[in-house]
Amino acid sequence: LDAGGVLVYPAFGAWHIGALVMESRAGETVATAEFALAHEACRHHLGEDALIETEREELPFRRKYLACMNERMRWGFSQEEIDRFARDAIENVSRRMGLYSDLPDYLPKWQKRYGLGLLSDTSPSLRRILEEGGIWQYFDAHVFSTDIGALKPDPRMYAAIARKLSAEPKDCLFVDDFEPNLHGAIDAGMRAVQMARDEAADLWRLERWDGPVVRDFAELDRYAESLA
């Protein structure tokens, strides 16, 4: 399973903006076209394709991203404020991201029946919200992009999770919300299904994916059973 859009969602509509930023004067700018353009220009500073093992190592990347956003959005924050925002994004990740409500009903069941792997383009702090939410324990293997130094659909990502699960790719079903990542899984020899929890927000993605689509874990459960 992917994380974003499958297990977790952005609490404020922007994955990398924490509660302190939203509570500041910058909060009203997040849902704007200018913010989206700035994020695209700054997102490489997050280092999700870098080798990062710990939250401490993640922190400088968060600082660089927020400093870039601060400059492009003309928020006018000091370096001290940026540092505080960066720490908040990591240490209070449960305020930055939420867990979908259907996870506890299905993850334990799937772990027992199939075995579960987590494959996500993300940084080490994601683990914190999954542990705090009691979800981490249900995964038999975990691969973050910062473990590999590459992003999906890089074939190294899919090879790593299959290896950790001691599974053949042909026996794996990969679930993601983003079409290129699904094709990456297919190219790696896996089956793939798109999770579209918010059809309205991700309609452009649905239009580009001609494979199976599910809208929640109940539908995913039925789809997985149909493959057995």
C-alpha atoms as a PDB file:
ATOM      1  CA  LEU A   1       0.000   0.000   0.000  1.00  0.00           C
ATOM      2  CA  ASP A   2       1.009   3.568  -0.698  1.00  0.00           C
ATOM      3  CA  ALA A   3       0.529   6.009   2.191  1.00  0.00           C
ATOM      4  CA  GLY A   4      -0.733   9.345   0.843  1.00  0.00           C
ATOM      5  CA  GLY A   5      -4.314   9.095  -0.385  1.00  0.00           C
ATOM      6  CA  VAL A   6      -4.501   5.465   0.751  1.00  0.00           C
ATOM      7  CA  LEU A   7      -3.683   5.504   4.464  1.00  0.00           C
ATOM      8  CA  VAL A   8      -3.301   9.192   5.264  1.00  0.00           C
ATOM      9  CA  TYR A   9      -4.655  12.519   4.055  1.00  0.00           C
ATOM     10  CA  PRO A  10      -3.392  16.115   4.428  1.00  0.00           C
ATOM     11  CA  ALA A  11      -5.233  17.724   7.326  1.00  0.00           C
ATOM     12  CA  PHE A  12      -4.997  21.197   5.805  1.00  0.00           C
ATOM     13  CA  GLY A  13      -5.098  20.305   2.111  1.00  0.00           C
ATOM     14  CA  ALA A  14      -1.319  20.563   1.726  1.00  0.00           C
ATOM     15  CA  TRP A  15       0.888  17.605   2.641  1.00  0.00           C
ATOM     16  CA  HIS A  16       3.898  19.516   3.909  1.00  0.00           C
ATOM     17  CA  ILE A  17       2.292  22.425   5.742  1.00  0.00           C
ATOM     18  CA  GLY A  18       1.885  21.989   9.480  1.00  0.00           C
ATOM     19  CA  ALA A  19      -0.540  23.406  12.002  1.00  0.00           C
ATOM     20  CA  LEU A  20       1.684  26.315  13.038  1.00  0.00           C
ATOM     21  CA  VAL A  21       1.899  27.579   9.466  1.00  0.00           C
ATOM     22  CA  MET A  22      -1.869  27.291   9.073  1.00  0.00           C
ATOM     23  CA  GLU A  23      -2.389  29.224  12.293  1.00  0.00           C
ATOM     24  CA  SER A  24      -0.079  31.984  11.075  1.00  0.00           C
ATOM     25  CA  ARG A  25      -0.674  34.712   8.499  1.00  0.00           C
ATOM     26  CA  ALA A  26       0.372  32.224   5.813  1.00  0.00           C
ATOM     27  CA  GLY A  27      -2.627  29.979   6.416  1.00  0.00           C
ATOM     28  CA  GLU A  28      -5.001  31.904   4.191  1.00  0.00           C
ATOM     29  CA  THR A  29      -2.635  31.538   1.211  1.00  0.00           C
ATOM     30  CA  VAL A  30      -2.443  27.736   1.199  1.00  0.00           C
ATOM     31  CA  ALA A  31      -5.538  27.086  -0.937  1.00  0.00           C
ATOM     32  CA  THR A  32      -4.396  29.332  -3.789  1.00  0.00           C
ATOM     33  CA  ALA A  33      -2.952  28.817  -7.251  1.00  0.00           C
ATOM     34  CA  GLU A  34       0.103  30.828  -6.207  1.00  0.00           C
ATOM     35  CA  PHE A  35       0.767  28.375  -3.379  1.00  0.00           C
ATOM     36  CA  ALA A  36       0.487  25.398  -5.741  1.00  0.00           C
ATOM     37  CA  LEU A  37       3.004  26.928  -8.131  1.00  0.00           C
ATOM     38  CA  ALA A  38       5.366  27.764  -5.295  1.00  0.00           C
ATOM     39  CA  HIS A  39       5.138  24.210  -3.962  1.00  0.00           C
ATOM     40  CA  GLU A  40       6.052  22.763  -7.353  1.00  0.00           C
ATOM     41  CA  ALA A  41       9.090  25.042  -7.450  1.00  0.00           C
ATOM     42  CA  CYS A  42      10.163  24.186  -3.889  1.00  0.00           C
ATOM     43  CA  ARG A  43       9.208  20.538  -3.420  1.00  0.00           C
ATOM     44  CA  HIS A  44      12.645  19.217  -4.453  1.00  0.00           C
ATOM     45  CA  HIS A  45      14.013  20.733  -1.225  1.00  0.00           C
ATOM     46  CA  LEU A  46      12.025  18.153   0.763  1.00  0.00           C
ATOM     47  CA  GLY A  47      14.590  15.553  -0.270  1.00  0.00           C
ATOM     48  CA  GLU A  48      12.178  12.652  -0.556  1.00  0.00           C
ATOM     49  CA  ASP A  49      14.554  11.169  -3.137  1.00  0.00           C
ATOM     50  CA  ALA A  50      17.548  11.553  -0.810  1.00  0.00           C
ATOM     51  CA  LEU A  51      18.894   8.988   1.635  1.00  0.00           C
ATOM     52  CA  ILE A  52      17.500  10.082   5.011  1.00  0.00           C
ATOM     53  CA  GLU A  53      17.359   7.721   7.967  1.00  0.00           C
ATOM     54  CA  THR A  54      16.088   9.828  10.850  1.00  0.00           C
ATOM     55  CA  GLU A  55      13.815  12.746  11.642  1.00  0.00           C
ATOM     56  CA  ARG A  56      16.917  14.684  12.688  1.00  0.00           C
ATOM     57  CA  GLU A  57      18.289  14.260   9.179  1.00  0.00           C
ATOM     58  CA  GLU A  58      14.905  15.200   7.746  1.00  0.00           C
ATOM     59  CA  LEU A  59      14.799  18.542   9.563  1.00  0.00           C
ATOM     60  CA  PRO A  60      17.248  20.471   7.301  1.00  0.00           C
ATOM     61  CA  PHE A  61      15.220  19.468   4.252  1.00  0.00           C
ATOM     62  CA  ARG A  62      12.028  20.753   5.870  1.00  0.00           C
ATOM     63  CA  ARG A  63      13.793  24.013   6.658  1.00  0.00           C
ATOM     64  CA  LYS A  64      14.943  24.432   3.055  1.00  0.00           C
ATOM     65  CA  TYR A  65      11.480  23.729   1.711  1.00  0.00           C
ATOM     66  CA  LEU A  66       9.816  26.223   4.037  1.00  0.00           C
ATOM     67  CA  ALA A  67      12.500  28.832   3.393  1.00  0.00           C
ATOM     68  CA  CYS A  68      11.873  28.456  -0.334  1.00  0.00           C
ATOM     69  CA  MET A  69       8.112  28.746   0.188  1.00  0.00           C
ATOM     70  CA  ASN A  70       8.620  31.746   2.456  1.00  0.00           C
ATOM     71  CA  GLU A  71      10.563  33.533  -0.266  1.00  0.00           C
ATOM     72  CA  ARG A  72       8.219  32.690  -3.125  1.00  0.00           C
ATOM     73  CA  MET A  73       5.041  33.394  -1.172  1.00  0.00           C
ATOM     74  CA  ARG A  74       6.494  36.532   0.443  1.00  0.00           C
ATOM     75  CA  TRP A  75       5.320  35.433   3.881  1.00  0.00           C
ATOM     76  CA  GLY A  76       8.064  37.399   5.611  1.00  0.00           C
ATOM     77  CA  PHE A  77       8.898  34.831   8.293  1.00  0.00           C
ATOM     78  CA  SER A  78      12.188  34.955  10.167  1.00  0.00           C
ATOM     79  CA  GLN A  79      14.668  32.078  10.153  1.00  0.00           C
ATOM     80  CA  GLU A  80      13.655  31.341  13.737  1.00  0.00           C
ATOM     81  CA  GLU A  81      10.020  31.025  12.684  1.00  0.00           C
ATOM     82  CA  ILE A  82      10.936  28.792   9.750  1.00  0.00           C
ATOM     83  CA  ASP A  83      12.893  26.539  12.085  1.00  0.00           C
ATOM     84  CA  ARG A  84       9.896  26.313  14.407  1.00  0.00           C
ATOM     85  CA  PHE A  85       7.571  25.502  11.491  1.00  0.00           C
ATOM     86  CA  ALA A  86       9.944  22.799  10.258  1.00  0.00           C
ATOM     87  CA  ARG A  87      10.085  21.140  13.668  1.00  0.00           C
ATOM     88  CA  ASP A  88       6.326  21.343  13.992  1.00  0.00           C
ATOM     89  CA  ALA A  89       5.826  19.605  10.623  1.00  0.00           C
ATOM     90  CA  ILE A  90       7.885  16.670  11.895  1.00  0.00           C
ATOM     91  CA  GLU A  91       7.108  16.484  15.594  1.00  0.00           C
ATOM     92  CA  ASN A  92       3.381  17.202  15.256  1.00  0.00           C
ATOM     93  CA  VAL A  93       2.832  15.198  12.106  1.00  0.00           C
ATOM     94  CA  SER A  94      -0.494  13.937  13.478  1.00  0.00           C
ATOM     95  CA  ARG A  95      -1.791  17.517  13.191  1.00  0.00           C
ATOM     96  CA  ARG A  96      -0.452  17.736   9.634  1.00  0.00           C
ATOM     97  CA  MET A  97      -1.885  14.431   8.429  1.00  0.00           C
ATOM     98  CA  GLY A  98      -4.892  12.339   9.361  1.00  0.00           C
ATOM     99  CA  LEU A  99      -5.592   8.610   9.132  1.00  0.00           C
ATOM    100  CA  TYR A 100      -8.584   7.350   7.155  1.00  0.00           C
ATOM    101  CA  SER A 101     -11.220   5.840   9.419  1.00  0.00           C
ATOM    102  CA  ASP A 102     -11.452   2.432   7.715  1.00  0.00           C
ATOM    103  CA  LEU A 103      -7.855   1.365   8.407  1.00  0.00           C
ATOM    104  CA  PRO A 104      -8.465  -0.485  11.710  1.00  0.00           C
ATOM    105  CA  ASP A 105     -11.251  -2.571  10.164  1.00  0.00           C
ATOM    106  CA  TYR A 106      -9.107  -3.981   7.366  1.00  0.00           C
ATOM    107  CA  LEU A 107      -5.361  -3.775   8.036  1.00  0.00           C
ATOM    108  CA  PRO A 108      -5.281  -6.493  10.732  1.00  0.00           C
ATOM    109  CA  LYS A 109      -7.376  -8.763   8.533  1.00  0.00           C
ATOM    110  CA  TRP A 110      -5.184  -8.206   5.481  1.00  0.00           C
ATOM    111  CA  GLN A 111      -1.983  -8.723   7.400  1.00  0.00           C
ATOM    112  CA  LYS A 112      -3.199 -12.149   8.504  1.00  0.00           C
ATOM    113  CA  ARG A 113      -4.520 -13.149   5.097  1.00  0.00           C
ATOM    114  CA  TYR A 114      -2.072 -11.621   2.646  1.00  0.00           C
ATOM    115  CA  GLY A 115       0.827  -9.937   4.396  1.00  0.00           C
ATOM    116  CA  LEU A 116       1.165  -6.163   4.087  1.00  0.00           C
ATOM    117  CA  GLY A 117       3.872  -3.886   2.760  1.00  0.00           C
ATOM    118  CA  LEU A 118       4.061  -0.090   2.876  1.00  0.00           C
ATOM    119  CA  LEU A 119       5.693   1.630  -0.119  1.00  0.00           C
ATOM    120  CA  SER A 120       5.678   5.420  -0.023  1.00  0.00           C
ATOM    121  CA  ASP A 121       7.425   8.496  -1.383  1.00  0.00           C
ATOM    122  CA  THR A 122       7.949  10.103   1.996  1.00  0.00           C
ATOM    123  CA  SER A 123      10.348  11.011   4.783  1.00  0.00           C
ATOM    124  CA  PRO A 124      11.024   9.327   8.151  1.00  0.00           C
ATOM    125  CA  SER A 125       8.434  11.367  10.070  1.00  0.00           C
ATOM    126  CA  LEU A 126       5.600   9.447   8.394  1.00  0.00           C
ATOM    127  CA  ARG A 127       6.396   6.589  10.733  1.00  0.00           C
ATOM    128  CA  ARG A 128       5.445   8.765  13.698  1.00  0.00           C
ATOM    129  CA  ILE A 129       1.797   9.195  12.678  1.00  0.00           C
ATOM    130  CA  LEU A 130       1.425   5.520  11.799  1.00  0.00           C
ATOM    131  CA  GLU A 131       2.825   4.502  15.169  1.00  0.00           C
ATOM    132  CA  GLU A 132       0.751   7.038  17.079  1.00  0.00           C
ATOM    133  CA  GLY A 133      -2.341   5.860  15.207  1.00  0.00           C
ATOM    134  CA  GLY A 134      -1.639   2.197  15.949  1.00  0.00           C
ATOM    135  CA  ILE A 135      -1.220   1.350  12.256  1.00  0.00           C
ATOM    136  CA  TRP A 136       2.515   0.730  11.879  1.00  0.00           C
ATOM    137  CA  GLN A 137       2.342  -2.691  13.520  1.00  0.00           C
ATOM    138  CA  TYR A 138       0.163  -4.130  10.781  1.00  0.00           C
ATOM    139  CA  PHE A 139       2.825  -3.845   8.101  1.00  0.00           C
ATOM    140  CA  ASP A 140       5.268  -6.708   7.635  1.00  0.00           C
ATOM    141  CA  ALA A 141       7.623  -4.537   5.584  1.00  0.00           C
ATOM    142  CA  HIS A 142       8.166  -0.829   5.033  1.00  0.00           C
ATOM    143  CA  VAL A 143      10.003   1.005   2.262  1.00  0.00           C
ATOM    144  CA  PHE A 144      10.181   4.798   2.170  1.00  0.00           C
ATOM    145  CA  SER A 145      11.701   6.644  -0.765  1.00  0.00           C
ATOM    146  CA  THR A 146      14.271   8.041   1.658  1.00  0.00           C
ATOM    147  CA  ASP A 147      15.378   4.457   2.395  1.00  0.00           C
ATOM    148  CA  ILE A 148      16.235   3.951  -1.287  1.00  0.00           C
ATOM    149  CA  GLY A 149      17.114   7.443  -2.484  1.00  0.00           C
ATOM    150  CA  ALA A 150      14.555   7.203  -5.286  1.00  0.00           C
ATOM    151  CA  LEU A 151      10.901   7.952  -5.951  1.00  0.00           C
ATOM    152  CA  LYS A 152       8.229   5.793  -7.528  1.00  0.00           C
ATOM    153  CA  PRO A 153       7.990   4.727 -10.299  1.00  0.00           C
ATOM    154  CA  ASP A 154      11.701   3.914  -9.996  1.00  0.00           C
ATOM    155  CA  PRO A 155      11.917   0.090 -10.249  1.00  0.00           C
ATOM    156  CA  ARG A 156      14.192  -0.029  -7.218  1.00  0.00           C
ATOM    157  CA  MET A 157      11.242   0.927  -5.015  1.00  0.00           C
ATOM    158  CA  TYR A 158       9.078  -2.008  -6.085  1.00  0.00           C
ATOM    159  CA  ALA A 159      11.997  -4.437  -5.986  1.00  0.00           C
ATOM    160  CA  ALA A 160      12.799  -3.345  -2.432  1.00  0.00           C
ATOM    161  CA  ILE A 161       9.313  -3.933  -1.032  1.00  0.00           C
ATOM    162  CA  ALA A 162       8.953  -7.306  -2.769  1.00  0.00           C
ATOM    163  CA  ARG A 163      12.323  -8.352  -1.381  1.00  0.00           C
ATOM    164  CA  LYS A 164      11.407  -7.265   2.144  1.00  0.00           C
ATOM    165  CA  LEU A 165       8.147  -9.188   1.912  1.00  0.00           C
ATOM    166  CA  SER A 166       9.975 -12.244   0.519  1.00  0.00           C
ATOM    167  CA  ALA A 167       7.380 -12.176  -2.254  1.00  0.00           C
ATOM    168  CA  GLU A 168       7.435 -12.586  -6.013  1.00  0.00           C
ATOM    169  CA  PRO A 169       6.215  -9.439  -7.802  1.00  0.00           C
ATOM    170  CA  LYS A 170       3.525 -11.453  -9.594  1.00  0.00           C
ATOM    171  CA  ASP A 171       2.010 -12.272  -6.207  1.00  0.00           C
ATOM    172  CA  CYS A 172       1.811  -8.602  -5.155  1.00  0.00           C
ATOM    173  CA  LEU A 173      -1.101  -6.188  -5.525  1.00  0.00           C
ATOM    174  CA  PHE A 174      -0.004  -2.561  -5.318  1.00  0.00           C
ATOM    175  CA  VAL A 175      -2.432   0.191  -4.272  1.00  0.00           C
ATOM    176  CA  ASP A 176      -1.700   3.853  -5.037  1.00  0.00           C
ATOM    177  CA  ASP A 177      -3.633   6.959  -6.017  1.00  0.00           C
ATOM    178  CA  PHE A 178      -1.187   8.195  -8.652  1.00  0.00           C
ATOM    179  CA  GLU A 179      -1.271   6.719 -12.155  1.00  0.00           C
ATOM    180  CA  PRO A 180       2.488   6.717 -12.953  1.00  0.00           C
ATOM    181  CA  ASN A 181       3.172   4.777  -9.759  1.00  0.00           C
ATOM    182  CA  LEU A 182       0.606   2.153 -10.741  1.00  0.00           C
ATOM    183  CA  HIS A 183       2.224   1.692 -14.133  1.00  0.00           C
ATOM    184  CA  GLY A 184       5.573   1.431 -12.375  1.00  0.00           C
ATOM    185  CA  ALA A 185       4.199  -1.465 -10.351  1.00  0.00           C
ATOM    186  CA  ILE A 186       2.891  -3.174 -13.476  1.00  0.00           C
ATOM    187  CA  ASP A 187       6.260  -2.740 -15.169  1.00  0.00           C
ATOM    188  CA  ALA A 188       7.798  -4.392 -12.109  1.00  0.00           C
ATOM    189  CA  GLY A 189       5.535  -7.418 -12.601  1.00  0.00           C
ATOM    190  CA  MET A 190       2.889  -6.583  -9.982  1.00  0.00           C
ATOM    191  CA  ARG A 191      -0.838  -6.110 -10.232  1.00  0.00           C
ATOM    192  CA  ALA A 192      -2.104  -2.616  -9.471  1.00  0.00           C
ATOM    193  CA  VAL A 193      -5.326  -0.911  -8.418  1.00  0.00           C
ATOM    194  CA  GLN A 194      -5.980   2.790  -7.970  1.00  0.00           C
ATOM    195  CA  MET A 195      -7.338   4.153  -4.714  1.00  0.00           C
ATOM    196  CA  ALA A 196      -9.590   7.141  -5.427  1.00  0.00           C
ATOM    197  CA  ARG A 197     -10.979   8.137  -2.049  1.00  0.00           C
ATOM    198  CA  ASP A 198     -11.729  11.660  -3.254  1.00  0.00           C
ATOM    199  CA  GLU A 199     -12.920  11.358  -6.834  1.00  0.00           C
ATOM    200  CA  ALA A 200     -13.632  15.044  -7.259  1.00  0.00           C
ATOM    201  CA  ALA A 201     -10.140  16.090  -6.167  1.00  0.00           C
ATOM    202  CA  ASP A 202      -8.387  13.433  -8.230  1.00  0.00           C
ATOM    203  CA  LEU A 203     -10.559  13.289 -11.323  1.00  0.00           C
ATOM    204  CA  TRP A 204      -7.616  14.120 -13.564  1.00  0.00           C
ATOM    205  CA  ARG A 205      -5.835  11.056 -12.236  1.00  0.00           C
ATOM    206  CA  LEU A 206      -8.836   8.814 -12.832  1.00  0.00           C
ATOM    207  CA  GLU A 207      -9.013   9.948 -16.436  1.00  0.00           C
ATOM    208  CA  ARG A 208      -5.432   8.817 -17.029  1.00  0.00           C
ATOM    209  CA  TRP A 209      -5.753   5.352 -15.444  1.00  0.00           C
ATOM    210  CA  ASP A 210      -7.589   2.637 -17.348  1.00  0.00           C
ATOM    211  CA  GLY A 211      -7.140  -0.097 -14.760  1.00  0.00           C
ATOM    212  CA  PRO A 212      -9.239  -1.095 -11.737  1.00  0.00           C
ATOM    213  CA  VAL A 213     -10.300   1.641  -9.306  1.00  0.00           C
ATOM    214  CA  VAL A 214     -11.580   1.381  -5.724  1.00  0.00           C
ATOM    215  CA  ARG A 215     -12.889   4.157  -3.496  1.00  0.00           C
ATOM    216  CA  ASP A 216     -12.273   2.804  -0.004  1.00  0.00           C
ATOM    217  CA  PHE A 217     -10.970  -0.231   1.845  1.00  0.00           C
ATOM    218  CA  ALA A 218     -14.308  -2.055   1.636  1.00  0.00           C
ATOM    219  CA  GLU A 219     -14.095  -1.980  -2.156  1.00  0.00           C
ATOM    220  CA  LEU A 220     -10.416  -2.884  -2.035  1.00  0.00           C
ATOM    221  CA  ASP A 221     -11.223  -5.881   0.160  1.00  0.00           C
ATOM    222  CA  ARG A 222     -13.790  -7.146  -2.328  1.00  0.00           C
ATOM    223  CA  TYR A 223     -11.379  -6.590  -5.216  1.00  0.00           C
ATOM    224  CA  ALA A 224      -8.554  -8.455  -3.477  1.00  0.00           C
ATOM    225  CA  GLU A 225     -10.864 -11.376  -2.720  1.00  0.00           C
ATOM    226  CA  SER A 226     -11.860 -11.548  -6.392  1.00  0.00           C
ATOM    227  CA  LEU A 227      -8.190 -12.112  -7.284  1.00  0.00           C
ATOM    228  CA  ALA A 228      -7.677 -14.928  -4.794  1.00  0.00           C
END
